[in-house]
């Protein structure tokens, strides 16, 4: 019994030491530098705030998608190793919803941000802003959200009305931001 009590005391002491070692009193941690924040990339708001210059067309996106995206998402975004990007409209209220760019995502700017930060899966951040705009244009076109001649840039992308834009419920908790 003595060994268990001693072990418990050691664990409590180690836990308390770990907590106090992380407090500001001991100078652990520091604010991020402007360079570190910049290297994280811009945060893209639903209204397009933070989008960089550049543009990309559906035709350009088709070529980039074939070279960088199709091996995981299939040639037409139908899904393969990676997620399905097209279809699913009208399935969200069914027992088997298909959550795709065309059926679930509320903002086209969020699609841009995700592709910019996380794709291609094996080389995230590889695509330059014009390539990201082009891939987004192509994916929106595959979902019949924009036409074949569509061009996306910082001005046109936030104006895209996604099919599920109004399908989300505002979070009413006062501690998480403005409730609608």
C-alpha atoms as a PDB file:
ATOM      1  CA  UNK A   1       0.000   0.000   0.000  1.00  0.00           C
ATOM      2  CA  UNK A   2       2.869   2.367   0.820  1.00  0.00           C
ATOM      3  CA  UNK A   3       4.272   1.913  -2.713  1.00  0.00           C
ATOM      4  CA  UNK A   4       0.915   2.888  -4.267  1.00  0.00           C
ATOM      5  CA  UNK A   5       0.689   5.999  -2.098  1.00  0.00           C
ATOM      6  CA  UNK A   6       4.242   6.995  -2.952  1.00  0.00           C
ATOM      7  CA  UNK A   7       3.593   6.444  -6.648  1.00  0.00           C
ATOM      8  CA  UNK A   8       0.403   8.528  -6.467  1.00  0.00           C
ATOM      9  CA  UNK A   9       2.310  11.315  -4.694  1.00  0.00           C
ATOM     10  CA  UNK A  10       5.038  11.276  -7.359  1.00  0.00           C
ATOM     11  CA  UNK A  11       2.435  11.410 -10.154  1.00  0.00           C
ATOM     12  CA  UNK A  12       0.589  14.318  -8.510  1.00  0.00           C
ATOM     13  CA  UNK A  13       3.876  16.196  -7.996  1.00  0.00           C
ATOM     14  CA  UNK A  14       4.965  15.568 -11.621  1.00  0.00           C
ATOM     15  CA  UNK A  15       1.591  16.728 -12.925  1.00  0.00           C
ATOM     16  CA  UNK A  16       1.711  19.892 -10.826  1.00  0.00           C
ATOM     17  CA  UNK A  17       5.279  20.563 -11.947  1.00  0.00           C
ATOM     18  CA  UNK A  18       4.280  20.174 -15.587  1.00  0.00           C
ATOM     19  CA  UNK A  19       1.391  22.614 -15.161  1.00  0.00           C
ATOM     20  CA  UNK A  20       3.480  25.254 -13.372  1.00  0.00           C
ATOM     21  CA  UNK A  21       6.325  24.876 -15.881  1.00  0.00           C
ATOM     22  CA  UNK A  22       3.945  26.002 -18.617  1.00  0.00           C
ATOM     23  CA  UNK A  23       2.765  29.124 -16.840  1.00  0.00           C
ATOM     24  CA  UNK A  24       3.925  32.618 -17.894  1.00  0.00           C
ATOM     25  CA  UNK A  25       5.803  32.892 -14.592  1.00  0.00           C
ATOM     26  CA  UNK A  26       8.495  30.603 -16.004  1.00  0.00           C
ATOM     27  CA  UNK A  27       8.767  32.233 -19.404  1.00  0.00           C
ATOM     28  CA  UNK A  28       7.623  29.220 -21.361  1.00  0.00           C
ATOM     29  CA  UNK A  29       6.333  30.012 -24.840  1.00  0.00           C
ATOM     30  CA  UNK A  30       6.248  33.318 -26.678  1.00  0.00           C
ATOM     31  CA  UNK A  31       4.006  35.224 -29.057  1.00  0.00           C
ATOM     32  CA  UNK A  32       4.322  34.269 -32.708  1.00  0.00           C
ATOM     33  CA  UNK A  33       6.477  36.576 -34.797  1.00  0.00           C
ATOM     34  CA  UNK A  34       4.994  38.417 -37.785  1.00  0.00           C
ATOM     35  CA  UNK A  35       7.073  36.156 -40.059  1.00  0.00           C
ATOM     36  CA  UNK A  36       5.668  32.997 -38.447  1.00  0.00           C
ATOM     37  CA  UNK A  37       2.139  34.300 -38.830  1.00  0.00           C
ATOM     38  CA  UNK A  38       2.795  35.262 -42.456  1.00  0.00           C
ATOM     39  CA  UNK A  39       4.200  31.800 -43.183  1.00  0.00           C
ATOM     40  CA  UNK A  40       0.913  30.246 -42.053  1.00  0.00           C
ATOM     41  CA  UNK A  41      -0.753  31.907 -45.021  1.00  0.00           C
ATOM     42  CA  UNK A  42      -3.688  34.237 -45.199  1.00  0.00           C
ATOM     43  CA  UNK A  43      -6.956  33.319 -43.585  1.00  0.00           C
ATOM     44  CA  UNK A  44      -9.642  33.544 -46.235  1.00  0.00           C
ATOM     45  CA  UNK A  45     -12.987  34.838 -44.987  1.00  0.00           C
ATOM     46  CA  UNK A  46     -16.344  33.785 -46.479  1.00  0.00           C
ATOM     47  CA  UNK A  47     -16.680  37.295 -47.955  1.00  0.00           C
ATOM     48  CA  UNK A  48     -13.365  36.855 -49.792  1.00  0.00           C
ATOM     49  CA  UNK A  49     -11.254  38.896 -47.403  1.00  0.00           C
ATOM     50  CA  UNK A  50      -7.660  37.717 -47.677  1.00  0.00           C
ATOM     51  CA  UNK A  51      -7.879  36.304 -51.208  1.00  0.00           C
ATOM     52  CA  UNK A  52      -4.726  37.040 -53.203  1.00  0.00           C
ATOM     53  CA  UNK A  53      -4.434  38.444 -56.701  1.00  0.00           C
ATOM     54  CA  UNK A  54      -4.616  36.066 -59.616  1.00  0.00           C
ATOM     55  CA  UNK A  55      -7.291  34.315 -61.613  1.00  0.00           C
ATOM     56  CA  UNK A  56      -8.032  30.977 -63.185  1.00  0.00           C
ATOM     57  CA  UNK A  57     -10.484  29.678 -65.753  1.00  0.00           C
ATOM     58  CA  UNK A  58     -12.405  26.430 -65.986  1.00  0.00           C
ATOM     59  CA  UNK A  59     -10.204  25.356 -68.926  1.00  0.00           C
ATOM     60  CA  UNK A  60      -7.007  26.081 -66.977  1.00  0.00           C
ATOM     61  CA  UNK A  61      -8.447  24.259 -63.981  1.00  0.00           C
ATOM     62  CA  UNK A  62      -9.214  21.183 -66.072  1.00  0.00           C
ATOM     63  CA  UNK A  63      -5.497  20.904 -66.935  1.00  0.00           C
ATOM     64  CA  UNK A  64      -4.268  21.489 -63.370  1.00  0.00           C
ATOM     65  CA  UNK A  65      -6.871  19.070 -62.001  1.00  0.00           C
ATOM     66  CA  UNK A  66      -5.782  16.366 -64.466  1.00  0.00           C
ATOM     67  CA  UNK A  67      -2.127  16.841 -63.479  1.00  0.00           C
ATOM     68  CA  UNK A  68      -2.479  17.278 -59.712  1.00  0.00           C
ATOM     69  CA  UNK A  69      -5.890  16.147 -58.468  1.00  0.00           C
ATOM     70  CA  UNK A  70      -7.366  13.392 -60.650  1.00  0.00           C
ATOM     71  CA  UNK A  71      -5.155  10.601 -59.305  1.00  0.00           C
ATOM     72  CA  UNK A  72      -6.948  10.916 -55.942  1.00  0.00           C
ATOM     73  CA  UNK A  73     -10.310  12.459 -56.845  1.00  0.00           C
ATOM     74  CA  UNK A  74     -10.900  10.821 -60.242  1.00  0.00           C
ATOM     75  CA  UNK A  75     -10.851  12.594 -63.628  1.00  0.00           C
ATOM     76  CA  UNK A  76     -14.251  14.228 -63.060  1.00  0.00           C
ATOM     77  CA  UNK A  77     -14.120  14.583 -59.263  1.00  0.00           C
ATOM     78  CA  UNK A  78     -16.162  11.415 -58.822  1.00  0.00           C
ATOM     79  CA  UNK A  79     -13.928  10.181 -56.012  1.00  0.00           C
ATOM     80  CA  UNK A  80     -11.291   7.495 -55.910  1.00  0.00           C
ATOM     81  CA  UNK A  81      -8.666   7.408 -53.171  1.00  0.00           C
ATOM     82  CA  UNK A  82      -9.749  10.932 -52.211  1.00  0.00           C
ATOM     83  CA  UNK A  83     -13.170  12.360 -51.500  1.00  0.00           C
ATOM     84  CA  UNK A  84     -15.956  12.725 -54.037  1.00  0.00           C
ATOM     85  CA  UNK A  85     -16.142  16.375 -55.125  1.00  0.00           C
ATOM     86  CA  UNK A  86     -19.220  16.385 -57.363  1.00  0.00           C
ATOM     87  CA  UNK A  87     -22.850  15.354 -57.100  1.00  0.00           C
ATOM     88  CA  UNK A  88     -24.854  14.878 -53.964  1.00  0.00           C
ATOM     89  CA  UNK A  89     -27.336  17.705 -54.539  1.00  0.00           C
ATOM     90  CA  UNK A  90     -30.569  16.868 -52.759  1.00  0.00           C
ATOM     91  CA  UNK A  91     -29.050  14.122 -50.595  1.00  0.00           C
ATOM     92  CA  UNK A  92     -28.323  16.036 -47.383  1.00  0.00           C
ATOM     93  CA  UNK A  93     -31.757  15.309 -45.932  1.00  0.00           C
ATOM     94  CA  UNK A  94     -31.622  11.620 -46.808  1.00  0.00           C
ATOM     95  CA  UNK A  95     -30.329   8.697 -44.724  1.00  0.00           C
ATOM     96  CA  UNK A  96     -27.207   8.570 -46.958  1.00  0.00           C
ATOM     97  CA  UNK A  97     -26.120  12.155 -47.611  1.00  0.00           C
ATOM     98  CA  UNK A  98     -23.277  12.755 -50.047  1.00  0.00           C
ATOM     99  CA  UNK A  99     -21.315  15.767 -48.809  1.00  0.00           C
ATOM    100  CA  UNK A 100     -19.502  17.251 -51.780  1.00  0.00           C
ATOM    101  CA  UNK A 101     -18.404  20.714 -52.859  1.00  0.00           C
ATOM    102  CA  UNK A 102     -21.637  21.000 -54.813  1.00  0.00           C
ATOM    103  CA  UNK A 103     -23.982  19.728 -52.125  1.00  0.00           C
ATOM    104  CA  UNK A 104     -22.497  20.691 -48.762  1.00  0.00           C
ATOM    105  CA  UNK A 105     -19.896  23.472 -48.835  1.00  0.00           C
ATOM    106  CA  UNK A 106     -21.507  26.843 -48.039  1.00  0.00           C
ATOM    107  CA  UNK A 107     -18.871  29.189 -49.529  1.00  0.00           C
ATOM    108  CA  UNK A 108     -16.701  28.983 -52.634  1.00  0.00           C
ATOM    109  CA  UNK A 109     -14.034  30.956 -50.754  1.00  0.00           C
ATOM    110  CA  UNK A 110     -13.766  28.100 -48.264  1.00  0.00           C
ATOM    111  CA  UNK A 111     -13.099  25.701 -51.120  1.00  0.00           C
ATOM    112  CA  UNK A 112     -10.298  28.026 -52.305  1.00  0.00           C
ATOM    113  CA  UNK A 113      -8.813  28.192 -48.795  1.00  0.00           C
ATOM    114  CA  UNK A 114      -8.903  24.429 -48.305  1.00  0.00           C
ATOM    115  CA  UNK A 115      -7.313  23.644 -51.660  1.00  0.00           C
ATOM    116  CA  UNK A 116      -4.684  26.331 -51.109  1.00  0.00           C
ATOM    117  CA  UNK A 117      -3.692  25.020 -47.679  1.00  0.00           C
ATOM    118  CA  UNK A 118      -4.150  21.258 -47.959  1.00  0.00           C
ATOM    119  CA  UNK A 119      -3.884  20.103 -51.560  1.00  0.00           C
ATOM    120  CA  UNK A 120      -2.429  18.170 -53.204  1.00  0.00           C
ATOM    121  CA  UNK A 121      -2.492  15.798 -50.249  1.00  0.00           C
ATOM    122  CA  UNK A 122       1.131  14.733 -50.695  1.00  0.00           C
ATOM    123  CA  UNK A 123       2.401  18.285 -51.342  1.00  0.00           C
ATOM    124  CA  UNK A 124       0.103  20.738 -49.529  1.00  0.00           C
ATOM    125  CA  UNK A 125       0.595  24.354 -50.557  1.00  0.00           C
ATOM    126  CA  UNK A 126       2.194  23.406 -53.882  1.00  0.00           C
ATOM    127  CA  UNK A 127      -0.341  25.206 -56.060  1.00  0.00           C
ATOM    128  CA  UNK A 128       0.111  28.906 -56.760  1.00  0.00           C
ATOM    129  CA  UNK A 129      -2.922  31.211 -56.358  1.00  0.00           C
ATOM    130  CA  UNK A 130      -3.804  31.248 -60.091  1.00  0.00           C
ATOM    131  CA  UNK A 131      -3.741  27.429 -60.117  1.00  0.00           C
ATOM    132  CA  UNK A 132      -5.963  27.319 -57.026  1.00  0.00           C
ATOM    133  CA  UNK A 133      -8.447  29.722 -58.655  1.00  0.00           C
ATOM    134  CA  UNK A 134      -8.416  27.528 -61.761  1.00  0.00           C
ATOM    135  CA  UNK A 135      -8.996  24.277 -59.848  1.00  0.00           C
ATOM    136  CA  UNK A 136     -11.834  25.889 -57.894  1.00  0.00           C
ATOM    137  CA  UNK A 137     -13.361  27.121 -61.171  1.00  0.00           C
ATOM    138  CA  UNK A 138     -13.159  23.602 -62.605  1.00  0.00           C
ATOM    139  CA  UNK A 139     -14.709  21.979 -59.517  1.00  0.00           C
ATOM    140  CA  UNK A 140     -17.509  24.576 -59.467  1.00  0.00           C
ATOM    141  CA  UNK A 141     -18.079  23.883 -63.159  1.00  0.00           C
ATOM    142  CA  UNK A 142     -18.215  20.112 -62.579  1.00  0.00           C
ATOM    143  CA  UNK A 143     -20.966  20.833 -60.041  1.00  0.00           C
ATOM    144  CA  UNK A 144     -22.862  23.051 -62.539  1.00  0.00           C
ATOM    145  CA  UNK A 145     -22.399  26.086 -60.283  1.00  0.00           C
ATOM    146  CA  UNK A 146     -20.547  28.141 -62.913  1.00  0.00           C
ATOM    147  CA  UNK A 147     -20.467  27.825 -66.702  1.00  0.00           C
ATOM    148  CA  UNK A 148     -17.750  26.517 -69.008  1.00  0.00           C
ATOM    149  CA  UNK A 149     -16.398  30.032 -69.600  1.00  0.00           C
ATOM    150  CA  UNK A 150     -16.173  30.835 -65.879  1.00  0.00           C
ATOM    151  CA  UNK A 151     -13.147  32.621 -64.463  1.00  0.00           C
ATOM    152  CA  UNK A 152     -12.538  32.903 -60.738  1.00  0.00           C
ATOM    153  CA  UNK A 153     -10.573  35.648 -58.991  1.00  0.00           C
ATOM    154  CA  UNK A 154     -10.721  37.611 -55.724  1.00  0.00           C
ATOM    155  CA  UNK A 155     -13.722  39.584 -56.981  1.00  0.00           C
ATOM    156  CA  UNK A 156     -15.808  36.855 -58.617  1.00  0.00           C
ATOM    157  CA  UNK A 157     -15.237  33.975 -56.177  1.00  0.00           C
ATOM    158  CA  UNK A 158     -17.054  35.543 -53.168  1.00  0.00           C
ATOM    159  CA  UNK A 159     -20.059  36.267 -55.411  1.00  0.00           C
ATOM    160  CA  UNK A 160     -20.612  32.570 -56.157  1.00  0.00           C
ATOM    161  CA  UNK A 161     -23.812  31.395 -54.464  1.00  0.00           C
ATOM    162  CA  UNK A 162     -23.204  27.844 -53.345  1.00  0.00           C
ATOM    163  CA  UNK A 163     -26.248  25.507 -53.339  1.00  0.00           C
ATOM    164  CA  UNK A 164     -26.022  24.902 -49.575  1.00  0.00           C
ATOM    165  CA  UNK A 165     -25.189  28.486 -48.569  1.00  0.00           C
ATOM    166  CA  UNK A 166     -28.317  28.745 -46.431  1.00  0.00           C
ATOM    167  CA  UNK A 167     -28.253  25.166 -45.186  1.00  0.00           C
ATOM    168  CA  UNK A 168     -26.346  25.833 -41.969  1.00  0.00           C
ATOM    169  CA  UNK A 169     -27.801  26.955 -38.636  1.00  0.00           C
ATOM    170  CA  UNK A 170     -26.093  29.804 -36.774  1.00  0.00           C
ATOM    171  CA  UNK A 171     -24.560  28.834 -33.448  1.00  0.00           C
ATOM    172  CA  UNK A 172     -26.605  30.692 -30.809  1.00  0.00           C
ATOM    173  CA  UNK A 173     -24.023  30.440 -28.017  1.00  0.00           C
ATOM    174  CA  UNK A 174     -22.870  33.937 -27.065  1.00  0.00           C
ATOM    175  CA  UNK A 175     -19.283  32.811 -26.465  1.00  0.00           C
ATOM    176  CA  UNK A 176     -18.622  31.735 -30.071  1.00  0.00           C
ATOM    177  CA  UNK A 177     -19.401  34.910 -31.969  1.00  0.00           C
ATOM    178  CA  UNK A 178     -22.378  36.609 -33.496  1.00  0.00           C
ATOM    179  CA  UNK A 179     -25.497  34.508 -33.689  1.00  0.00           C
ATOM    180  CA  UNK A 180     -27.944  35.225 -36.489  1.00  0.00           C
END
